Amino acid sequence: MNTIFDYGLADWEAWTKSKGVPKYRAAQIYSFCSKGVQDLDRMQNLPLDLRKAIREDFVLPVLTLQQEFRSENDGTRKFVFRLHDGHIIETVAMWYKTGVSVCISSQSGCRMGCSFCASAAAGFGRNLTPGEMLGQITVVADLIGERIRSVVVMGIGEPFDNYDNLIAFLHMANAPEGLNLGARHITVSTCGLVPQMLEFMHVNLQVNLSVSLHAPDDRLRAELMPAARIYTLKELIDACRRYTEETGRRITFEYSLFSGVNDNPEQARALYSLLRGVHCHVNLIAANEFPGSAYHRSSSERVRSFQEILEKLGMNVTLRREMGSDIQAACGQLRRGIQERETI
């Protein structure tokens, strides 16, 4: 069965027609869904028999809040949701001067196996439906009582490993009659699945693309990110260059800094050489640590030195602001902990 968030307005119109219900009811139902309402008792303007029909035909609830954590440092809130079949995902709400940004998951778990990632260590569950991705935005907006201004698909999972559902989600989020979230306020992050990247540049949406790089050479990148054993850096950067040339949009390269692994001056210069000529922006990240990880974040001095080298070479580079460090806001950490406790 579909979830109530998997249906767009046209789908609800077809469903209400099949039930012999007036067309205007579809708009009422869709309005509730677009606001993250999944409790049918809150849909007071719908007749009881219609609410009963929805309950019979759709998965409810879509997302059940399992835990919530609030950062005392910056107000970041992390939501751990359980899906209807027991799988667990995480969603993070962050407050910026420009408004609230939500980081959503695209899968329960991840198949990419990155050695530094808590999501990989917890194993793979399944792909999320478009509605389960959309629901993270609308349900969180309902929980916090604020409009979401931007969305990053950077949570648990590799979005391009769930490509068709991702594209459907993007169109749903952008729909004027629904969430009406501007495409330029949505960012999709990938570890570098080249075929999907090339396909993505033909999607008629001005969505931002972010590529996780984390190393300036193939040997190290393959150690950190097994997907790099399939697509070399030359293949990846060639795809990125083609993407920027054909779309006119800039790519952001994410580079997490690990102490003694990828943070020395020679690697900074190698990164510049690798990306020279690509219309891009480099986002340096003070790497997240989690129990059992073999990697440790670089010192603030090493991070600053790495950034200064790139800036002096003329590269557009920023250091990502750390959010929610006191509540394990990096996606995957809490899901992993919950699953480990449940198997004991």
Protein backbone atom coordinates (compact mmCIF):
# COMPACT_ATOMS: atom_id res chain seq x y z
CA MET A 1 0.00 0.00 0.00
CA ASN A 2 1.02 3.60 -0.60
CA THR A 3 1.48 6.07 2.21
CA ILE A 4 -0.74 9.15 2.24
CA PHE A 5 2.33 11.27 1.45
CA ASP A 6 3.04 9.35 -1.76
CA TYR A 7 -0.01 10.85 -3.48
CA GLY A 8 -0.01 14.16 -5.33
CA LEU A 9 -3.13 16.21 -5.99
CA ALA A 10 -3.94 14.38 -9.25
CA ASP A 11 -3.60 11.04 -7.46
CA TRP A 12 -6.02 12.13 -4.75
CA GLU A 13 -8.47 13.36 -7.38
CA ALA A 14 -8.37 9.95 -9.05
CA TRP A 15 -8.78 8.21 -5.69
CA THR A 16 -11.75 10.33 -4.56
CA LYS A 17 -13.37 9.80 -7.96
CA SER A 18 -13.01 6.04 -7.52
CA LYS A 19 -14.79 6.36 -4.17
CA GLY A 20 -17.60 8.47 -5.59
CA VAL A 21 -16.48 11.43 -3.48
CA PRO A 22 -16.70 15.07 -4.69
CA LYS A 23 -13.50 16.34 -6.31
CA TYR A 24 -12.99 19.14 -3.78
CA ARG A 25 -12.31 16.53 -1.11
CA ALA A 26 -9.07 15.66 -2.90
CA ALA A 27 -7.77 19.19 -2.38
CA GLN A 28 -8.70 19.02 1.32
CA ILE A 29 -6.87 15.73 1.84
CA TYR A 30 -3.83 16.92 -0.12
CA SER A 31 -3.71 20.11 1.94
CA PHE A 32 -3.51 18.11 5.15
CA CYS A 33 -0.79 15.88 3.71
CA SER A 34 1.21 18.91 2.57
CA LYS A 35 1.13 20.13 6.17
CA GLY A 36 2.47 16.86 7.56
CA VAL A 37 -0.83 15.80 9.14
CA GLN A 38 -1.02 12.02 9.47
CA ASP A 39 -3.55 11.76 12.29
CA LEU A 40 -6.94 11.38 10.63
CA ASP A 41 -8.66 12.73 13.73
CA ARG A 42 -7.09 16.10 12.91
CA MET A 43 -8.81 16.10 9.51
CA GLN A 44 -12.04 17.31 11.08
CA ASN A 45 -13.54 18.72 7.86
CA LEU A 46 -13.55 15.25 6.28
CA PRO A 47 -16.56 12.95 6.83
CA LEU A 48 -15.97 9.93 9.05
CA ASP A 49 -16.61 7.48 6.23
CA LEU A 50 -14.00 9.20 4.08
CA ARG A 51 -11.45 9.06 6.89
CA LYS A 52 -12.26 5.37 7.28
CA ALA A 53 -11.64 4.79 3.57
CA ILE A 54 -8.25 6.53 3.83
CA ARG A 55 -7.33 4.36 6.80
CA GLU A 56 -8.24 1.23 4.85
CA ASP A 57 -6.38 2.14 1.65
CA PHE A 58 -3.19 3.79 2.93
CA VAL A 59 -0.30 3.17 5.30
CA LEU A 60 -0.73 5.18 8.52
CA PRO A 61 1.13 6.57 10.27
CA VAL A 62 3.88 7.22 7.74
CA LEU A 63 6.47 8.35 10.27
CA THR A 64 6.33 7.58 13.98
CA LEU A 65 8.53 9.75 16.17
CA GLN A 66 10.74 7.43 18.20
CA GLN A 67 13.13 9.92 19.77
CA GLU A 68 13.92 13.61 19.60
CA PHE A 69 17.09 15.40 20.64
CA ARG A 70 17.72 19.13 21.01
CA SER A 71 21.13 20.74 20.94
CA GLU A 72 21.93 23.07 23.80
CA ASN A 73 24.66 24.57 21.64
CA ASP A 74 22.69 25.85 18.64
CA GLY A 75 19.09 24.64 18.87
CA THR A 76 19.48 21.92 16.24
CA ARG A 77 16.80 19.25 16.61
CA LYS A 78 17.25 15.64 15.54
CA PHE A 79 14.26 13.38 14.94
CA VAL A 80 14.50 9.61 14.87
CA PHE A 81 11.51 8.18 12.99
CA ARG A 82 10.32 4.60 12.73
CA LEU A 83 8.67 3.65 9.46
CA HIS A 84 5.56 1.50 9.27
CA ASP A 85 7.62 -1.67 8.71
CA GLY A 86 10.04 -1.03 11.57
CA HIS A 87 12.93 0.55 9.67
CA ILE A 88 14.53 3.60 11.27
CA ILE A 89 15.61 6.90 9.71
CA GLU A 90 16.89 10.22 10.99
CA THR A 91 15.97 13.80 10.08
CA VAL A 92 17.69 16.95 11.32
CA ALA A 93 16.30 20.50 11.57
CA MET A 94 18.85 23.31 11.70
CA TRP A 95 18.25 27.02 12.28
CA TYR A 96 20.13 29.57 10.18
CA LYS A 97 19.69 33.30 9.64
CA THR A 98 17.92 32.48 6.39
CA GLY A 99 15.44 30.13 8.10
CA VAL A 100 15.07 26.46 8.93
CA SER A 101 16.92 23.87 6.88
CA VAL A 102 16.06 20.18 7.09
CA CYS A 103 18.43 17.33 6.31
CA ILE A 104 16.47 14.26 5.19
CA SER A 105 17.29 10.59 4.62
CA SER A 106 16.73 8.88 1.27
CA GLN A 107 17.25 5.30 2.49
CA SER A 108 17.14 3.39 5.74
CA GLY A 109 20.81 2.52 5.86
CA CYS A 110 23.26 2.73 2.98
CA ARG A 111 24.93 0.34 0.54
CA MET A 112 27.93 2.52 -0.27
CA GLY A 113 30.06 1.24 2.62
CA CYS A 114 32.11 4.40 3.30
CA SER A 115 34.58 3.46 6.03
CA PHE A 116 34.13 6.68 7.99
CA CYS A 117 30.32 6.66 8.03
CA ALA A 118 28.04 5.51 10.87
CA SER A 119 25.23 4.76 8.39
CA ALA A 120 27.34 2.16 6.59
CA ALA A 121 28.25 0.47 9.87
CA ALA A 122 24.55 -0.01 10.68
CA GLY A 123 23.77 -1.87 7.44
CA PHE A 124 21.13 -1.35 4.77
CA GLY A 125 17.38 -1.55 5.29
CA ARG A 126 15.52 -0.35 2.19
CA ASN A 127 14.86 2.56 -0.14
CA LEU A 128 12.42 5.23 0.98
CA THR A 129 9.38 6.07 -1.12
CA PRO A 130 8.94 9.63 -2.44
CA GLY A 131 6.29 10.20 0.22
CA GLU A 132 8.57 9.02 3.02
CA MET A 133 11.16 11.54 1.89
CA LEU A 134 8.58 14.31 1.52
CA GLY A 135 7.01 13.39 4.85
CA GLN A 136 10.23 14.12 6.70
CA ILE A 137 9.92 17.74 5.61
CA THR A 138 6.22 18.17 6.27
CA VAL A 139 6.10 16.23 9.54
CA VAL A 140 9.10 18.11 10.92
CA ALA A 141 7.51 21.42 9.89
CA ASP A 142 4.38 20.33 11.77
CA LEU A 143 6.39 19.31 14.84
CA ILE A 144 8.41 22.53 15.06
CA GLY A 145 5.59 24.83 13.94
CA GLU A 146 7.74 26.59 11.33
CA ARG A 147 8.02 26.66 7.56
CA ILE A 148 10.99 24.84 6.08
CA ARG A 149 13.07 27.14 3.89
CA SER A 150 15.59 24.69 2.47
CA VAL A 151 16.22 20.96 2.25
CA VAL A 152 19.39 18.92 1.88
CA VAL A 153 19.18 15.25 0.90
CA MET A 154 22.32 14.41 2.85
CA GLY A 155 21.00 12.21 5.62
CA ILE A 156 21.12 8.44 5.79
CA GLY A 157 21.55 6.77 2.39
CA GLU A 158 22.88 7.52 -1.09
CA PRO A 159 20.15 9.46 -2.93
CA PHE A 160 21.26 8.35 -6.41
CA ASP A 161 21.06 4.71 -5.29
CA ASN A 162 17.32 5.42 -4.96
CA TYR A 163 17.19 7.46 -8.15
CA ASP A 164 13.61 7.08 -9.41
CA ASN A 165 12.08 7.72 -6.00
CA LEU A 166 14.41 10.69 -5.51
CA ILE A 167 13.31 12.33 -8.76
CA ALA A 168 9.64 11.75 -7.93
CA PHE A 169 10.23 13.31 -4.50
CA LEU A 170 11.91 16.39 -6.00
CA HIS A 171 8.95 17.04 -8.29
CA MET A 172 6.53 16.56 -5.38
CA ALA A 173 8.47 18.97 -3.15
CA ASN A 174 8.56 21.54 -5.94
CA ALA A 175 4.86 21.24 -6.85
CA PRO A 176 3.17 24.69 -6.58
CA GLU A 177 -0.08 23.17 -5.32
CA GLY A 178 1.76 21.27 -2.58
CA LEU A 179 4.89 22.08 -0.59
CA ASN A 180 5.97 24.59 -3.25
CA LEU A 181 9.62 24.44 -2.18
CA GLY A 182 11.84 26.22 -4.70
CA ALA A 183 14.21 23.83 -6.48
CA ARG A 184 17.14 26.16 -5.80
CA HIS A 185 16.47 25.60 -2.10
CA ILE A 186 17.03 21.85 -2.44
CA THR A 187 20.46 20.19 -2.47
CA VAL A 188 21.14 16.56 -3.34
CA SER A 189 24.39 14.96 -2.18
CA THR A 190 26.02 11.96 -3.85
CA CYS A 191 29.19 9.97 -3.27
CA GLY A 192 29.73 10.08 -7.02
CA LEU A 193 27.55 7.61 -8.93
CA VAL A 194 28.56 8.80 -12.38
CA PRO A 195 25.73 7.39 -14.56
CA GLN A 196 23.06 8.87 -12.31
CA MET A 197 24.90 12.20 -12.19
CA LEU A 198 24.87 12.39 -15.97
CA GLU A 199 21.18 11.48 -16.04
CA PHE A 200 20.43 14.02 -13.32
CA MET A 201 21.67 16.92 -15.42
CA HIS A 202 18.70 16.38 -17.75
CA VAL A 203 16.15 16.69 -14.93
CA ASN A 204 14.23 19.90 -15.50
CA LEU A 205 14.75 21.29 -12.00
CA GLN A 206 17.28 23.83 -10.73
CA VAL A 207 18.30 21.57 -7.83
CA ASN A 208 21.78 21.97 -6.34
CA LEU A 209 24.24 19.08 -6.60
CA SER A 210 26.85 18.23 -3.99
CA VAL A 211 29.54 15.56 -4.46
CA SER A 212 31.33 13.88 -1.55
CA LEU A 213 35.01 13.79 -2.46
CA HIS A 214 37.11 13.40 0.73
CA ALA A 215 40.36 12.55 -1.07
CA PRO A 216 42.41 14.01 -3.95
CA ASP A 217 43.67 10.67 -5.30
CA ASP A 218 42.13 7.34 -6.32
CA ARG A 219 44.03 5.15 -3.85
CA LEU A 220 42.96 7.03 -0.73
CA ARG A 221 39.45 7.67 -1.99
CA ALA A 222 38.96 3.95 -2.64
CA GLU A 223 39.99 3.25 0.96
CA LEU A 224 37.50 5.76 2.30
CA MET A 225 34.71 5.20 -0.24
CA PRO A 226 34.31 1.79 -1.92
CA ALA A 227 32.23 3.38 -4.71
CA ALA A 228 35.47 4.99 -5.87
CA ARG A 229 36.68 1.53 -6.94
CA ILE A 230 34.03 1.63 -9.66
CA TYR A 231 34.38 5.22 -10.82
CA THR A 232 37.82 6.80 -10.91
CA LEU A 233 38.41 10.41 -10.02
CA LYS A 234 39.01 11.19 -13.69
CA GLU A 235 35.61 9.73 -14.60
CA LEU A 236 33.97 11.57 -11.71
CA ILE A 237 35.56 14.97 -12.39
CA ASP A 238 34.89 14.64 -16.13
CA ALA A 239 31.22 14.01 -15.29
CA CYS A 240 31.20 17.01 -12.93
CA ARG A 241 32.75 19.25 -15.57
CA ARG A 242 30.19 18.10 -18.12
CA TYR A 243 27.40 18.65 -15.58
CA THR A 244 28.43 22.25 -14.90
CA GLU A 245 28.91 23.04 -18.58
CA GLU A 246 25.54 21.65 -19.67
CA THR A 247 23.47 22.97 -16.74
CA GLY A 248 25.32 26.18 -15.95
CA ARG A 249 25.06 25.25 -12.28
CA ARG A 250 27.95 25.13 -9.85
CA ILE A 251 28.82 21.90 -8.05
CA THR A 252 29.79 21.78 -4.38
CA PHE A 253 32.49 19.31 -3.38
CA GLU A 254 32.28 18.06 0.19
CA TYR A 255 35.65 17.27 1.79
CA SER A 256 35.71 15.87 5.35
CA LEU A 257 39.07 16.31 7.04
CA PHE A 258 40.46 13.32 8.94
CA SER A 259 43.54 13.68 11.09
CA GLY A 260 46.66 12.31 9.40
CA VAL A 261 44.63 10.84 6.54
CA ASN A 262 43.68 13.54 4.04
CA ASP A 263 44.58 16.85 5.69
CA ASN A 264 48.20 17.60 4.82
CA PRO A 265 49.36 20.57 2.68
CA GLU A 266 50.35 18.35 -0.27
CA GLN A 267 46.80 16.95 -0.37
CA ALA A 268 45.35 20.46 -0.33
CA ARG A 269 47.43 21.37 -3.37
CA ALA A 270 46.51 18.08 -5.06
CA LEU A 271 42.83 18.86 -4.46
CA TYR A 272 43.25 22.23 -6.14
CA SER A 273 44.95 20.61 -9.15
CA LEU A 274 42.16 18.03 -9.40
CA LEU A 275 39.36 20.61 -9.42
CA ARG A 276 41.07 23.40 -11.35
CA GLY A 277 38.83 24.59 -14.16
CA VAL A 278 35.63 23.08 -12.74
CA HIS A 279 32.85 25.53 -11.85
CA CYS A 280 32.72 24.54 -8.20
CA HIS A 281 32.82 25.38 -4.54
CA VAL A 282 34.67 23.33 -1.90
CA ASN A 283 32.97 22.80 1.44
CA LEU A 284 35.45 21.64 4.07
CA ILE A 285 34.01 19.65 6.96
CA ALA A 286 35.46 19.04 10.40
CA ALA A 287 34.80 15.29 10.27
CA ASN A 288 32.26 13.69 12.57
CA GLU A 289 33.44 10.98 14.92
CA PHE A 290 31.43 8.06 16.28
CA PRO A 291 32.26 5.19 18.67
CA GLY A 292 34.31 2.49 16.96
CA SER A 293 35.46 4.68 14.08
CA ALA A 294 39.10 4.44 13.06
CA TYR A 295 39.10 8.09 11.99
CA HIS A 296 39.47 11.26 14.02
CA ARG A 297 38.72 14.81 13.05
CA SER A 298 41.57 17.08 12.07
CA SER A 299 42.69 19.73 14.54
CA SER A 300 41.41 23.25 14.06
CA GLU A 301 44.94 24.30 13.08
CA ARG A 302 45.15 21.66 10.32
CA VAL A 303 41.69 22.59 9.06
CA ARG A 304 42.59 26.29 8.97
CA SER A 305 45.89 25.57 7.19
CA PHE A 306 44.14 23.38 4.59
CA GLN A 307 41.58 26.10 3.94
CA GLU A 308 44.21 28.84 3.66
CA ILE A 309 46.21 26.88 1.07
CA LEU A 310 43.14 26.44 -1.13
CA GLU A 311 42.16 30.10 -0.76
CA LYS A 312 45.64 31.33 -1.68
CA LEU A 313 45.49 29.18 -4.81
CA GLY A 314 42.26 30.95 -5.74
CA MET A 315 39.72 28.26 -4.91
CA ASN A 316 36.23 29.14 -3.65
CA VAL A 317 36.18 27.38 -0.27
CA THR A 318 34.26 27.54 3.01
CA LEU A 319 34.29 25.61 6.27
CA ARG A 320 30.92 24.08 7.06
CA ARG A 321 29.42 25.34 10.29
CA GLU A 322 29.19 22.47 12.77
CA MET A 323 25.61 21.92 13.93
CA GLY A 324 24.26 19.75 16.75
CA SER A 325 27.57 18.20 17.76
CA ASP A 326 26.27 17.56 21.28
CA ILE A 327 23.34 15.44 20.01
CA GLN A 328 25.16 13.31 17.42
CA ALA A 329 23.49 15.28 14.62
CA ALA A 330 25.53 13.54 11.93
CA CYS A 331 23.03 11.15 10.39
CA GLY A 332 23.39 7.45 11.09
CA GLN A 333 24.80 7.58 14.59
CA LEU A 334 21.52 7.29 16.48
CA ARG A 335 19.97 4.77 14.08
CA ARG A 336 22.99 2.56 14.57
CA GLY A 337 22.75 2.82 18.35
CA ILE A 338 19.03 1.99 18.40
CA GLN A 339 19.49 -1.05 16.15
CA GLU A 340 22.38 -2.34 18.26
CA ARG A 341 20.28 -2.08 21.43
CA GLU A 342 17.32 -3.84 19.79
CA THR A 343 19.44 -6.82 18.78
CA ILE A 344 20.80 -7.38 22.27
